[in-house]
Amino acid sequence: MTSFAGLMAGSVNGAVVIPGDAENSLFVELVASQEMPKRGAKLTPCDGTTI
């Protein structure tokens, strides 16, 4: 993920972010399970809540 446009475009598997529907957003699921970010420091619980 390098840009907002790229995030919103999704992946070959479909939508990653569903605006207004965090429960069904793959991005939120991956952040909450700490599978993302794959590189760099893990997000703090506060960061996850913000997302």
C-alpha atoms as a PDB file:
ATOM      1  CA  MET A   1       0.000   0.000   0.000  1.00  0.00           C
ATOM      2  CA  THR A   2       1.647   3.149  -1.177  1.00  0.00           C
ATOM      3  CA  SER A   3      -1.289   5.428  -1.886  1.00  0.00           C
ATOM      4  CA  PHE A   4      -4.912   6.069  -1.027  1.00  0.00           C
ATOM      5  CA  ALA A   5      -5.898   5.430  -4.644  1.00  0.00           C
ATOM      6  CA  GLY A   6      -4.101   2.080  -4.608  1.00  0.00           C
ATOM      7  CA  LEU A   7      -5.794   1.059  -1.376  1.00  0.00           C
ATOM      8  CA  MET A   8      -9.215   1.991  -2.683  1.00  0.00           C
ATOM      9  CA  ALA A   9      -8.573   0.201  -6.006  1.00  0.00           C
ATOM     10  CA  GLY A  10      -8.350  -3.105  -4.153  1.00  0.00           C
ATOM     11  CA  SER A  11      -6.475  -6.183  -5.283  1.00  0.00           C
ATOM     12  CA  VAL A  12      -6.883  -9.022  -7.744  1.00  0.00           C
ATOM     13  CA  ASN A  13      -9.095 -10.578  -5.063  1.00  0.00           C
ATOM     14  CA  GLY A  14     -11.488  -7.628  -4.902  1.00  0.00           C
ATOM     15  CA  ALA A  15     -12.115  -4.758  -2.515  1.00  0.00           C
ATOM     16  CA  VAL A  16      -9.766  -4.351   0.440  1.00  0.00           C
ATOM     17  CA  VAL A  17     -11.547  -1.408   2.053  1.00  0.00           C
ATOM     18  CA  ILE A  18     -15.296  -1.025   2.142  1.00  0.00           C
ATOM     19  CA  PRO A  19     -16.012   2.588   3.163  1.00  0.00           C
ATOM     20  CA  GLY A  20     -18.428   2.771   6.077  1.00  0.00           C
ATOM     21  CA  ASP A  21     -18.320  -1.004   6.641  1.00  0.00           C
ATOM     22  CA  ALA A  22     -15.331  -1.838   8.835  1.00  0.00           C
ATOM     23  CA  GLU A  23     -16.788  -5.222   9.781  1.00  0.00           C
ATOM     24  CA  ASN A  24     -16.462  -6.415   6.178  1.00  0.00           C
ATOM     25  CA  SER A  25     -13.226  -4.638   5.213  1.00  0.00           C
ATOM     26  CA  LEU A  26     -10.279  -6.980   4.646  1.00  0.00           C
ATOM     27  CA  PHE A  27      -7.891  -4.156   5.517  1.00  0.00           C
ATOM     28  CA  VAL A  28      -9.437  -3.699   8.964  1.00  0.00           C
ATOM     29  CA  GLU A  29      -9.423  -7.460   9.539  1.00  0.00           C
ATOM     30  CA  LEU A  30      -5.711  -7.716   8.677  1.00  0.00           C
ATOM     31  CA  VAL A  31      -4.787  -4.741  10.866  1.00  0.00           C
ATOM     32  CA  ALA A  32      -6.855  -6.038  13.807  1.00  0.00           C
ATOM     33  CA  SER A  33      -5.225  -9.478  13.592  1.00  0.00           C
ATOM     34  CA  GLN A  34      -1.786  -7.793  13.342  1.00  0.00           C
ATOM     35  CA  GLU A  35      -1.124  -9.466   9.985  1.00  0.00           C
ATOM     36  CA  MET A  36      -0.518  -5.934   8.685  1.00  0.00           C
ATOM     37  CA  PRO A  37       1.717  -4.135   8.335  1.00  0.00           C
ATOM     38  CA  LYS A  38       3.959  -6.894   7.028  1.00  0.00           C
ATOM     39  CA  ARG A  39       7.064  -4.688   7.218  1.00  0.00           C
ATOM     40  CA  GLY A  40       8.129  -2.224   9.832  1.00  0.00           C
ATOM     41  CA  ALA A  41       6.822  -1.713  13.309  1.00  0.00           C
ATOM     42  CA  LYS A  42       3.505  -3.202  14.342  1.00  0.00           C
ATOM     43  CA  LEU A  43       0.688  -0.776  14.985  1.00  0.00           C
ATOM     44  CA  THR A  44      -0.212   0.136  18.519  1.00  0.00           C
ATOM     45  CA  PRO A  45      -3.706  -0.688  19.808  1.00  0.00           C
ATOM     46  CA  CYS A  46      -4.504   3.047  19.508  1.00  0.00           C
ATOM     47  CA  ASP A  47      -3.455   3.021  15.833  1.00  0.00           C
ATOM     48  CA  GLY A  48      -5.692   0.021  15.206  1.00  0.00           C
ATOM     49  CA  THR A  49      -8.632   1.732  16.859  1.00  0.00           C
ATOM     50  CA  THR A  50      -8.093   4.830  14.733  1.00  0.00           C
ATOM     51  CA  ILE A  51      -8.189   2.768  11.561  1.00  0.00           C
END
